[in-house]
Each structure stands twice: as structure tokens, then as C-alpha cells.
Amino acid sequence: MTFDDEFRRQLAALIAWRRDVRRIRPDAVDPALVDGLLDLAVLAPSVGNSQPWRFVQVDDPGRRAAVIANFERCNQAALERYDAHRAQAYARLKLQGLKTAPVQLAVFCDETTEQGFGLGRQTMPESLSYSVVGAIQILWLAARAHGLGLGWVSILDPAQVAVDLDVPAAWRFIAYLCLGWPEEEHLDPELARHEWQDRTDVGRQVLHR
């Protein structure tokens, strides 16, 4: 398949507009649309074609409340680690959409999957988790293409999430995702807008050996 310049331009725009969205409206998302997004996410590359991603859609109010409580504990602990000036900035940040996002997905890596027969992960077993992150990135872009926003909540105790969601012991927690229609559209990252951290070129440096 051949892609033209217009497609490449739109792809670049899609990547630029992919944002960690924390301000999400409670409006419902069509379940068929969510299913379609997950169908795209699982086309991600994976080490040895192991497809280790495991998605848990969190609908139960009690389990959602447990995740919120988990976040609040971890968020308070994180706040206390900063000095006074940085703590004030941290406290002003909007860090998650747990109370409004209509669709919430916990994503795990099945570290005991037999799919792929161990190919490519004997020396780097962490490549299983990297594969799951690749699926999340595709989900992120696919959601943005439909006008949806997705936020990744990382201020959580992974072990407690696994307990609260009652998943198999061999599943390693990777991400908690909030999916829904964004309250606002803006090209600049929210953390840059609120003067937490600007985008820099530190990650764009390439060493030649």
C-alpha cells in the first residue's frame, strides 16, 4: 500500500494532536467505537508475536472508587516529596480524569503467555511490557483520530490495582487509561501550559558511533 503526501501530513497532525487528556466530559462513548479502537490497538507489533496485552474495562462503581482512593493516596505521597515551591505547582495540576471519564481501561501484560514461544524475549523479558506500551500508543492515536481524548494515570500503586481489579497474579499492571470526549482542544501539552515542564529537544539528540 502506498500513502501520499496528504496522508503523511494528516498523520503528522494526528501525532501532534495526541495529548494526555485529563479534562474529560462524562458523555457516553459508543461501545462499538471502543471495540473498534481496541481492534486497532491489538494490531500493534509484539515481541515474538506474543500479543501479551490484557485489557480490563472498569465499569463497576466500587472498583472505580477503589482506583480513585489508590490515586489519592499516591498523589498525596507524591506531593509530600516536593519542596514548597514545586509542591504548590504540583497541587495546581489536573492529573487525571478518573471521576468523569466514561470509559476506563486497565492494561496489563501477561508475563506467562505461551504465545510467541519465548522468541525475542530470552535476553530482554521486558520487551513483553514494551509490546503492551506499543498497543497503548496505537489506541491513543486511534482515539484521537475519532476526536476522543485519552489520559494515562500513572500515579497509582500497581499491586493494589491488581488486587482491586482481581486479575491473574501473572498479569503485570502497565497503565490505567481514561477515555472520553475532551472538554477542550489545545495543541500545547497541558504540563507545558501550566509551567510544569516545557517540551525540549533533550530526547531528540542522536549519538553517532
Protein backbone atom coordinates (compact mmCIF):
# COMPACT_ATOMS: atom_id res chain seq x y z
CA MET A 1 0.00 0.00 0.00
CA THR A 2 1.24 3.48 -0.91
CA PHE A 3 0.49 6.59 1.17
CA ASP A 4 0.54 10.04 -0.37
CA ASP A 5 1.78 13.39 0.90
CA GLU A 6 -1.67 14.39 2.16
CA PHE A 7 -1.91 11.24 4.26
CA ARG A 8 1.54 11.88 5.70
CA ARG A 9 0.57 15.47 6.52
CA GLN A 10 -2.54 14.29 8.33
CA LEU A 11 -0.58 11.61 10.15
CA ALA A 12 1.88 14.22 11.40
CA ALA A 13 -1.05 16.37 12.58
CA LEU A 14 -2.59 13.37 14.35
CA ILE A 15 0.65 12.65 16.19
CA ALA A 16 1.00 16.31 17.20
CA TRP A 17 -2.59 16.39 18.49
CA ARG A 18 -2.19 13.21 20.53
CA ARG A 19 -2.32 14.53 24.05
CA ASP A 20 -2.56 13.16 27.58
CA VAL A 21 -6.12 14.35 28.25
CA ARG A 22 -7.15 14.90 31.87
CA ARG A 23 -10.25 17.05 31.31
CA ILE A 24 -12.84 14.62 30.01
CA ARG A 25 -16.59 15.10 29.67
CA PRO A 26 -18.84 12.41 31.18
CA ASP A 27 -20.75 11.95 27.90
CA ALA A 28 -21.08 8.32 26.86
CA VAL A 29 -18.88 6.75 24.20
CA ASP A 30 -20.49 4.25 21.84
CA PRO A 31 -19.34 0.75 22.93
CA ALA A 32 -18.94 -0.18 19.26
CA LEU A 33 -16.44 2.65 18.87
CA VAL A 34 -14.48 1.43 21.89
CA ASP A 35 -14.44 -2.09 20.46
CA GLY A 36 -13.18 -0.73 17.14
CA LEU A 37 -10.37 1.14 18.86
CA LEU A 38 -9.29 -1.99 20.70
CA ASP A 39 -9.38 -3.92 17.41
CA LEU A 40 -6.79 -1.45 16.12
CA ALA A 41 -4.73 -1.49 19.32
CA VAL A 42 -4.20 -5.23 19.13
CA LEU A 43 -2.64 -4.86 15.68
CA ALA A 44 0.42 -3.46 17.46
CA PRO A 45 3.76 -5.20 16.97
CA SER A 46 4.77 -7.51 19.80
CA VAL A 47 7.91 -9.44 20.59
CA GLY A 48 7.65 -12.90 19.01
CA ASN A 49 4.05 -12.05 18.06
CA SER A 50 3.24 -12.81 21.70
CA GLN A 51 0.39 -10.27 21.95
CA PRO A 52 0.76 -10.03 25.75
CA TRP A 53 -1.67 -7.13 26.30
CA ARG A 54 -4.69 -7.76 28.50
CA PHE A 55 -7.40 -5.08 28.73
CA VAL A 56 -9.78 -4.76 31.68
CA GLN A 57 -12.69 -2.37 31.22
CA VAL A 58 -13.52 -0.99 34.64
CA ASP A 59 -17.27 -0.31 34.87
CA ASP A 60 -18.14 -1.30 38.42
CA PRO A 61 -18.56 1.83 40.63
CA GLY A 62 -16.96 0.10 43.61
CA ARG A 63 -13.84 -0.83 41.68
CA ARG A 64 -13.63 2.67 40.21
CA ALA A 65 -13.88 4.10 43.72
CA ALA A 66 -11.01 1.85 44.79
CA VAL A 67 -8.85 3.17 41.94
CA ILE A 68 -9.68 6.76 42.90
CA ALA A 69 -8.74 6.05 46.52
CA ASN A 70 -5.49 4.47 45.31
CA PHE A 71 -4.73 7.57 43.24
CA GLU A 72 -5.48 9.94 46.10
CA ARG A 73 -3.13 8.10 48.46
CA CYS A 74 -0.31 8.00 45.92
CA ASN A 75 -0.91 11.57 44.83
CA GLN A 76 -0.65 12.83 48.40
CA ALA A 77 2.58 10.88 48.91
CA ALA A 78 4.00 12.35 45.68
CA LEU A 79 3.02 15.87 46.73
CA GLU A 80 4.91 15.50 50.01
CA ARG A 81 8.16 14.67 48.20
CA TYR A 82 8.44 18.11 46.57
CA ASP A 83 9.80 21.28 48.11
CA ALA A 84 7.34 24.07 48.89
CA HIS A 85 7.55 25.90 45.55
CA ARG A 86 7.30 22.78 43.39
CA ALA A 87 4.61 21.32 45.67
CA GLN A 88 2.41 24.36 45.04
CA ALA A 89 2.78 23.90 41.29
CA TYR A 90 2.08 20.18 41.61
CA ALA A 91 -1.08 20.79 43.63
CA ARG A 92 -2.46 23.01 40.87
CA LEU A 93 -2.09 20.37 38.17
CA LYS A 94 -5.02 18.39 36.82
CA LEU A 95 -3.50 14.90 36.83
CA GLN A 96 -6.34 12.54 35.97
CA GLY A 97 -9.91 12.16 34.73
CA LEU A 98 -10.95 9.31 37.00
CA LYS A 99 -14.15 10.95 38.21
CA THR A 100 -15.55 11.86 34.79
CA ALA A 101 -14.17 9.53 32.12
CA PRO A 102 -16.98 7.29 30.84
CA VAL A 103 -14.58 4.57 29.70
CA GLN A 104 -11.75 3.37 31.93
CA LEU A 105 -9.32 0.67 30.91
CA ALA A 106 -6.65 -1.01 32.99
CA VAL A 107 -3.98 -2.54 30.79
CA PHE A 108 -1.84 -5.45 31.91
CA CYS A 109 0.96 -7.57 30.48
CA ASP A 110 0.58 -11.34 30.71
CA GLU A 111 4.14 -12.30 31.62
CA THR A 112 3.45 -16.02 31.39
CA THR A 113 1.86 -16.06 27.94
CA GLU A 114 2.98 -19.01 25.84
CA GLN A 115 2.21 -17.17 22.61
CA GLY A 116 5.39 -16.45 20.71
CA PHE A 117 7.22 -19.38 22.33
CA GLY A 118 9.64 -17.00 24.04
CA LEU A 119 11.02 -15.64 20.76
CA GLY A 120 12.95 -12.38 21.27
CA ARG A 121 12.47 -12.13 24.99
CA GLN A 122 15.01 -14.57 26.38
CA THR A 123 17.58 -11.82 26.81
CA MET A 124 15.13 -8.94 27.25
CA PRO A 125 11.99 -10.17 29.02
CA GLU A 126 10.90 -6.55 29.47
CA SER A 127 10.15 -6.49 25.75
CA LEU A 128 6.78 -8.03 26.66
CA SER A 129 5.87 -4.85 28.53
CA TYR A 130 7.25 -2.72 25.70
CA SER A 131 4.85 -4.54 23.38
CA VAL A 132 1.92 -3.57 25.60
CA VAL A 133 3.02 0.07 25.54
CA GLY A 134 3.06 -0.12 21.74
CA ALA A 135 -0.58 -1.24 21.78
CA ILE A 136 -1.46 1.65 24.10
CA GLN A 137 0.19 4.13 21.74
CA ILE A 138 -1.87 2.83 18.81
CA LEU A 139 -5.02 3.06 20.94
CA TRP A 140 -4.07 6.66 21.80
CA LEU A 141 -3.69 7.68 18.17
CA ALA A 142 -6.80 5.81 17.04
CA ALA A 143 -8.85 7.51 19.76
CA ARG A 144 -7.55 10.93 18.74
CA ALA A 145 -8.48 10.22 15.12
CA HIS A 146 -12.11 9.91 16.29
CA GLY A 147 -11.91 13.08 18.38
CA LEU A 148 -11.63 11.18 21.65
CA GLY A 149 -9.14 12.01 24.37
CA LEU A 150 -7.14 9.52 26.37
CA GLY A 151 -5.31 10.07 29.64
CA TRP A 152 -2.73 7.76 31.19
CA VAL A 153 -2.92 7.67 35.01
CA SER A 154 0.43 6.57 36.42
CA ILE A 155 0.09 7.85 39.99
CA LEU A 156 -1.14 4.50 41.27
CA ASP A 157 0.13 1.59 43.35
CA PRO A 158 0.35 -1.19 40.71
CA ALA A 159 -0.02 -4.05 43.17
CA GLN A 160 -3.15 -2.52 44.68
CA VAL A 161 -4.70 -2.01 41.24
CA ALA A 162 -4.20 -5.71 40.50
CA VAL A 163 -5.85 -6.65 43.80
CA ASP A 164 -8.77 -4.25 43.37
CA LEU A 165 -9.45 -5.49 39.84
CA ASP A 166 -8.97 -9.15 40.77
CA VAL A 167 -6.77 -10.12 37.83
CA PRO A 168 -4.50 -13.17 37.48
CA ALA A 169 -1.28 -12.98 39.51
CA ALA A 170 0.87 -13.31 36.38
CA TRP A 171 -0.53 -10.10 34.90
CA ARG A 172 1.73 -7.09 35.39
CA PHE A 173 0.00 -3.70 35.58
CA ILE A 174 1.12 -1.31 32.85
CA ALA A 175 -1.40 1.52 32.60
CA TYR A 176 -4.74 2.89 33.71
CA LEU A 177 -6.42 4.78 30.88
CA CYS A 178 -9.27 7.28 30.95
CA LEU A 179 -11.08 7.56 27.61
CA GLY A 180 -13.75 10.05 26.59
CA TRP A 181 -14.64 13.27 24.85
CA PRO A 182 -12.25 16.10 25.85
CA GLU A 183 -13.56 19.28 27.44
CA GLU A 184 -11.17 21.39 25.36
CA GLU A 185 -8.81 21.18 22.41
CA HIS A 186 -5.28 22.56 22.59
CA LEU A 187 -2.08 21.73 20.77
CA ASP A 188 0.30 22.53 23.62
CA PRO A 189 0.83 19.87 26.31
CA GLU A 190 -1.08 20.64 29.49
CA LEU A 191 2.03 20.34 31.64
CA ALA A 192 3.75 22.95 29.47
CA ARG A 193 0.71 25.21 29.58
CA HIS A 194 0.73 25.14 33.38
CA GLU A 195 4.50 25.74 33.55
CA TRP A 196 5.44 22.35 34.96
CA GLN A 197 7.75 21.24 32.16
CA ASP A 198 8.19 22.64 28.65
CA ARG A 199 8.87 20.39 25.71
CA THR A 200 12.60 20.37 24.98
CA ASP A 201 14.91 18.79 22.44
CA VAL A 202 16.74 16.65 25.00
CA GLY A 203 15.17 13.49 23.59
CA ARG A 204 15.93 14.47 20.01
CA GLN A 205 19.68 14.15 20.34
CA VAL A 206 21.19 11.36 18.31
CA LEU A 207 24.63 9.96 19.07
CA HIS A 208 26.65 8.66 16.13
CA ARG A 209 29.14 5.93 16.81
